[in-house]
Protein backbone atom coordinates (compact mmCIF):
# COMPACT_ATOMS: atom_id res chain seq x y z
CA MET A 1 34.80 6.88 29.66
CA THR A 2 31.63 6.21 27.64
CA GLU A 3 32.20 5.74 23.91
CA PRO A 4 30.40 8.13 21.51
CA HIS A 5 28.18 5.20 20.50
CA ASP A 6 27.76 2.53 23.12
CA ILE A 7 25.34 -0.39 22.64
CA ARG A 8 24.13 -1.82 25.93
CA VAL A 9 21.76 -4.70 26.60
CA ASP A 10 19.59 -4.89 29.70
CA PRO A 11 20.88 -8.03 31.47
CA TYR A 12 17.38 -9.16 32.49
CA LEU A 13 14.99 -8.01 29.76
CA GLY A 14 17.40 -8.13 26.82
CA THR A 15 16.39 -4.62 25.71
CA VAL A 16 18.96 -3.06 23.37
CA VAL A 17 19.84 0.57 24.22
CA HIS A 18 21.99 2.79 22.01
CA VAL A 19 23.76 5.32 24.26
CA VAL A 20 24.63 8.20 21.92
CA GLY A 21 25.89 11.16 23.96
CA THR A 22 26.97 13.08 20.86
CA ARG A 23 23.34 13.60 19.83
CA GLN A 24 22.85 15.88 22.83
CA ALA A 25 24.76 18.52 20.88
CA ARG A 26 22.39 18.54 17.91
CA PRO A 27 20.32 21.74 17.57
CA ASN A 28 16.63 21.68 18.40
CA LEU A 29 15.90 24.32 15.76
CA PRO A 30 18.12 25.84 13.07
CA SER A 31 19.48 29.23 14.11
CA THR A 32 19.11 30.85 10.69
CA GLY A 33 16.71 29.74 7.97
CA CYS A 34 15.74 26.21 7.02
CA PRO A 35 18.72 23.96 6.26
CA PHE A 36 16.53 21.77 4.03
CA CYS A 37 15.28 24.48 1.67
CA PRO A 38 17.24 24.99 -1.57
CA GLY A 39 20.30 27.08 -0.75
CA GLY A 40 20.29 25.89 2.86
CA ARG A 41 23.14 24.12 4.62
CA GLU A 42 21.99 20.62 3.68
CA ALA A 43 20.63 21.51 0.22
CA PRO A 44 22.95 24.05 -1.41
CA GLU A 45 21.70 23.19 -4.93
CA PRO A 46 18.16 22.91 -6.38
CA TYR A 47 16.57 19.46 -6.03
CA ASP A 48 13.37 17.45 -6.37
CA VAL A 49 14.28 14.84 -3.76
CA ARG A 50 17.60 14.62 -1.96
CA TRP A 51 19.44 12.51 0.60
CA PHE A 52 22.49 13.22 2.73
CA ALA A 53 24.33 11.71 5.69
CA ASN A 54 22.97 12.80 9.07
CA ARG A 55 25.34 15.21 10.82
CA TRP A 56 24.23 13.86 14.20
CA PRO A 57 23.91 10.12 13.53
CA ALA A 58 22.45 7.69 16.03
CA MET A 59 24.90 5.07 14.73
CA PRO A 60 28.46 5.32 13.38
CA GLY A 61 29.81 4.63 9.91
CA ASP A 62 27.50 6.84 7.82
CA ARG A 63 24.62 4.47 8.53
CA CYS A 64 22.10 7.24 9.23
CA GLU A 65 20.71 9.39 6.42
CA VAL A 66 18.12 12.12 5.88
CA VAL A 67 15.77 12.15 2.88
CA LEU A 68 14.22 15.44 1.74
CA TYR A 69 10.87 14.86 0.06
CA THR A 70 10.48 18.19 -1.71
CA PRO A 71 12.04 21.66 -1.95
CA GLU A 72 8.71 23.15 -0.80
CA HIS A 73 9.04 24.02 2.89
CA ASP A 74 5.31 24.11 3.66
CA ALA A 75 4.37 20.95 1.77
CA THR A 76 3.06 17.76 3.33
CA PHE A 77 3.59 14.23 2.10
CA ALA A 78 -0.02 14.16 0.93
CA SER A 79 0.40 17.43 -1.00
CA LEU A 80 3.25 15.91 -3.03
CA GLY A 81 0.65 14.14 -5.15
CA ASN A 82 1.23 10.77 -6.75
CA ALA A 83 4.16 11.94 -8.87
CA GLY A 84 5.96 13.58 -5.96
CA ALA A 85 5.33 10.61 -3.67
CA ARG A 86 6.62 8.27 -6.38
CA ARG A 87 9.91 10.24 -6.46
CA VAL A 88 10.25 9.75 -2.71
CA ILE A 89 9.55 6.02 -3.05
CA GLU A 90 12.26 5.77 -5.73
CA MET A 91 14.72 7.47 -3.38
CA TRP A 92 13.74 5.14 -0.54
CA ALA A 93 14.33 2.14 -2.81
CA ASP A 94 17.66 3.46 -4.12
CA ARG A 95 18.99 4.10 -0.63
CA THR A 96 17.67 0.76 0.64
CA ALA A 97 19.62 -0.96 -2.15
CA ALA A 98 22.81 1.03 -1.53
CA LEU A 99 22.79 0.68 2.25
CA GLY A 100 21.55 -2.90 2.24
CA ALA A 101 24.45 -3.92 -0.01
CA ARG A 102 26.95 -2.93 2.68
CA PRO A 103 28.49 -5.86 4.61
CA ASP A 104 27.94 -4.02 7.90
CA VAL A 105 24.18 -3.54 7.34
CA ASP A 106 21.64 -6.28 8.14
CA PHE A 107 18.47 -4.19 8.25
CA VAL A 108 17.43 -0.90 6.61
CA LEU A 109 14.73 1.10 8.36
CA VAL A 110 13.06 3.92 6.42
CA PHE A 111 11.00 6.15 8.70
CA GLU A 112 9.54 9.60 9.31
CA ASN A 113 8.78 11.62 12.42
CA ARG A 114 6.35 14.38 11.53
CA GLY A 115 5.58 17.21 13.95
CA PRO A 116 7.21 18.51 17.14
CA GLU A 117 4.89 16.29 19.19
CA VAL A 118 6.92 13.26 18.04
CA GLY A 119 10.32 14.98 18.13
CA ALA A 120 10.70 16.45 14.65
CA THR A 121 12.82 19.60 15.01
CA ILE A 122 12.45 20.88 11.43
CA ALA A 123 9.07 21.30 9.73
CA HIS A 124 10.37 20.88 6.17
CA PRO A 125 9.02 17.52 4.85
CA HIS A 126 11.69 14.87 5.37
CA GLY A 127 12.31 11.38 6.63
CA GLN A 128 15.28 9.35 7.78
CA ILE A 129 16.98 6.02 7.18
CA TYR A 130 18.79 4.00 9.85
CA SER A 131 20.94 1.06 8.77
CA TYR A 132 21.42 -1.51 11.52
CA ASP A 133 24.30 -3.98 11.81
CA HIS A 134 21.77 -6.47 13.21
CA ILE A 135 18.05 -7.17 12.84
CA PRO A 136 16.26 -5.21 15.60
CA ASP A 137 13.97 -7.07 17.96
CA ARG A 138 10.54 -5.87 16.78
CA PRO A 139 11.09 -6.48 13.05
CA LEU A 140 12.58 -9.86 13.91
CA ARG A 141 9.57 -10.81 16.02
CA LEU A 142 7.23 -9.84 13.17
CA LEU A 143 9.25 -11.95 10.75
CA GLU A 144 9.39 -14.92 13.10
CA ALA A 145 5.62 -14.67 13.61
CA LYS A 146 5.20 -14.68 9.78
CA TRP A 147 3.30 -11.38 9.78
CA SER A 148 0.88 -10.91 6.91
CA PRO A 149 -1.72 -8.21 6.27
CA GLU A 150 -5.41 -8.58 6.93
CA LEU A 151 -6.75 -8.84 3.41
CA GLN A 152 -10.34 -8.76 4.68
CA PRO A 153 -10.23 -6.30 7.62
CA GLY A 154 -13.99 -5.77 7.57
CA GLU A 155 -15.03 -2.76 9.66
CA ARG A 156 -11.40 -1.73 10.05
CA LEU A 157 -10.85 -1.16 6.32
CA VAL A 158 -9.79 2.41 5.51
CA ALA A 159 -9.09 2.30 1.76
CA GLU A 160 -7.89 0.04 -1.01
CA GLN A 161 -6.67 0.68 -4.52
CA SER A 162 -4.27 -0.69 -7.13
CA GLY A 163 -3.52 -3.85 -5.17
CA TRP A 164 -2.90 -2.08 -1.84
CA VAL A 165 -5.02 -2.19 1.31
CA ALA A 166 -5.01 0.24 4.25
CA SER A 167 -6.63 -0.75 7.53
CA VAL A 168 -6.67 0.05 11.22
CA PRO A 169 -4.85 -2.69 13.18
CA PHE A 170 -6.88 -4.95 15.45
CA ALA A 171 -4.86 -4.11 18.58
CA SER A 172 -2.62 -1.06 18.27
CA THR A 173 -0.83 0.45 21.25
CA TYR A 174 -1.32 3.90 19.66
CA PRO A 175 -4.72 5.66 19.54
CA ILE A 176 -4.33 6.40 15.83
CA ALA A 177 -2.78 3.67 13.68
CA VAL A 178 -3.01 2.59 10.05
CA SER A 179 -1.29 -0.30 8.27
CA ILE A 180 -0.65 -0.26 4.50
CA ALA A 181 0.35 -3.40 2.61
CA PRO A 182 0.14 -4.97 -0.86
CA ARG A 183 -2.43 -7.72 -1.33
CA LEU A 184 0.18 -9.90 -3.03
CA GLN A 185 3.26 -10.75 -0.99
CA VAL A 186 6.29 -8.60 -1.79
CA PRO A 187 9.33 -8.61 0.53
CA ASP A 188 10.66 -5.06 0.15
CA LEU A 189 10.70 -1.84 -1.83
CA LEU A 190 13.18 -3.24 -4.35
CA ALA A 191 10.75 -5.99 -5.34
CA LEU A 192 7.94 -3.53 -6.19
CA ASP A 193 7.56 -3.03 -9.94
CA GLY A 194 6.55 0.27 -11.52
CA ASP A 195 2.81 -0.29 -11.23
CA ALA A 196 3.14 -1.36 -7.58
CA ARG A 197 5.16 1.76 -6.79
CA ASP A 198 2.51 3.91 -8.46
CA GLY A 199 -0.12 2.18 -6.34
CA LEU A 200 1.88 2.70 -3.18
CA ALA A 201 2.28 6.42 -3.96
CA ALA A 202 -1.47 6.72 -4.50
CA ILE A 203 -2.60 4.97 -1.33
CA LEU A 204 0.08 6.59 0.81
CA THR A 205 -0.92 10.12 -0.20
CA ASP A 206 -4.58 9.15 0.20
CA VAL A 207 -4.17 7.81 3.74
CA LEU A 208 -1.95 10.67 4.93
CA ALA A 209 -4.43 13.21 3.53
CA ARG A 210 -7.25 11.49 5.42
CA LEU A 211 -5.22 11.59 8.62
CA ASP A 212 -4.72 15.35 8.24
CA ARG A 213 -8.46 15.78 7.70
CA LEU A 214 -9.32 13.67 10.75
CA TYR A 215 -8.98 16.62 13.15
CA GLY A 216 -8.86 19.40 10.57
CA GLN A 217 -5.18 20.11 11.19
CA PRO A 218 -1.79 18.50 10.49
CA LEU A 219 -1.59 15.27 12.45
CA PRO A 220 1.70 14.46 14.17
CA TYR A 221 2.71 10.95 13.19
CA MET A 222 5.45 8.38 13.03
CA MET A 223 5.73 6.25 9.91
CA TRP A 224 8.06 3.35 9.19
CA LEU A 225 8.57 0.72 6.50
CA ASN A 226 8.92 -2.96 7.40
CA GLN A 227 11.14 -4.68 4.83
CA ARG A 228 13.10 -7.88 4.30
CA PRO A 229 16.45 -7.85 6.16
CA THR A 230 19.60 -7.37 4.10
CA ASP A 231 21.72 -9.91 5.99
CA GLY A 232 21.79 -12.35 3.06
CA GLY A 233 19.09 -14.62 4.47
CA GLU A 234 16.19 -15.89 2.39
CA TRP A 235 13.37 -14.59 4.62
CA PRO A 236 10.58 -16.10 2.47
CA GLN A 237 7.96 -14.89 4.97
CA ALA A 238 8.84 -11.19 4.58
CA TRP A 239 5.81 -9.10 3.54
CA PHE A 240 6.48 -5.43 2.94
CA ASN A 241 4.24 -3.03 4.84
CA ILE A 242 4.06 0.49 6.21
CA GLU A 243 2.88 1.46 9.68
CA ILE A 244 1.64 4.97 10.51
CA VAL A 245 0.84 5.87 14.12
CA SER A 246 0.00 9.06 16.02
CA PRO A 247 0.00 9.82 19.76
CA TRP A 248 -3.10 12.03 19.51
CA ARG A 249 -6.32 10.62 20.97
CA SER A 250 -8.27 13.72 19.90
CA ALA A 251 -7.43 17.05 18.28
CA GLY A 252 -4.30 18.41 19.94
CA VAL A 253 -4.62 16.02 22.88
CA PRO A 254 -1.78 13.51 23.25
CA ARG A 255 -2.35 10.12 24.74
CA PHE A 256 0.44 9.56 27.27
CA ILE A 257 1.79 6.14 28.13
CA ALA A 258 1.03 5.46 31.80
CA ALA A 259 3.18 3.83 34.47
CA ALA A 260 1.13 0.62 34.49
CA GLU A 261 1.68 0.26 30.73
CA VAL A 262 5.43 0.86 30.91
CA ALA A 263 5.75 -1.46 33.90
CA CYS A 264 3.73 -4.35 32.51
CA GLY A 265 3.96 -3.96 28.75
CA GLU A 266 0.16 -4.03 28.46
CA PHE A 267 -1.56 -1.02 26.92
CA PHE A 268 -4.91 0.75 27.17
CA ASN A 269 -6.23 2.37 23.96
CA PRO A 270 -9.08 4.92 24.33
CA VAL A 271 -9.81 4.93 20.58
CA ILE A 272 -11.94 2.09 19.18
CA PRO A 273 -10.27 0.77 15.98
CA GLU A 274 -13.56 0.23 14.13
CA VAL A 275 -14.70 3.79 14.91
CA LEU A 276 -11.38 5.25 13.71
CA ALA A 277 -11.64 3.28 10.47
CA GLU A 278 -15.20 4.51 9.93
CA GLN A 279 -14.06 8.11 10.41
CA LEU A 280 -11.16 7.71 7.99
CA ARG A 281 -13.35 6.02 5.36
CA ALA A 282 -15.71 8.99 5.49
CA LEU A 283 -12.80 11.38 4.83
CA GLY A 284 -12.03 9.97 1.38
């Protein structure tokens, strides 16, 4: 009998797979009203920002949470403005601190899936937090490689302000991709002071607004925060950053991963990074 949460590792490739049969029962769409609007199932009281434990967690032990960005159902992250985005960043930091302090949590991943094209089942602006009892492979590889941002990205620069730089990565596997990072090394959200958090709010709303203007319609995207692990290690090389990617290669047209890419782990991107950056710069 398969356990509700079963972690398996491919014996040849070492790929970690979480088998979570219970998530099959989660609803694709709420049957009545939005559960994230004030008065809804997950937000019975008025709020500015709010978090709660996910009813259909991908991992046990209350290690999966949902963060509501705003009570406004039709808002976007960009429309929150700097003040609204700053409230979300404060919530991200508070939950990172609380979850990261747990002895069974080694890595806190803050992320957002926006749009049905990337699996979001509810349109109300929200993100999620997964708290891992280990350091997942990709963040670990970035740490071991001593990842640092391109402080002089040249033609791939999108925007910069208040000590933050946004650029298109040199070799992204997604057609649309933007990286946001502070110019001075900071390991995680908790280490950002007030001015740095204000700067992050400003550049994040700026970049997400540009992405929505790119095709003149809301862009489906995935966003995640790369932070220092919470396993008690020093991790002096950790450099906080945010990655935003979209599967669209043009307006409404998804770029599907092909068999050769899945089989070989080598990818073919139809969007030229320098051209994307030029387009996003022009949308300021």
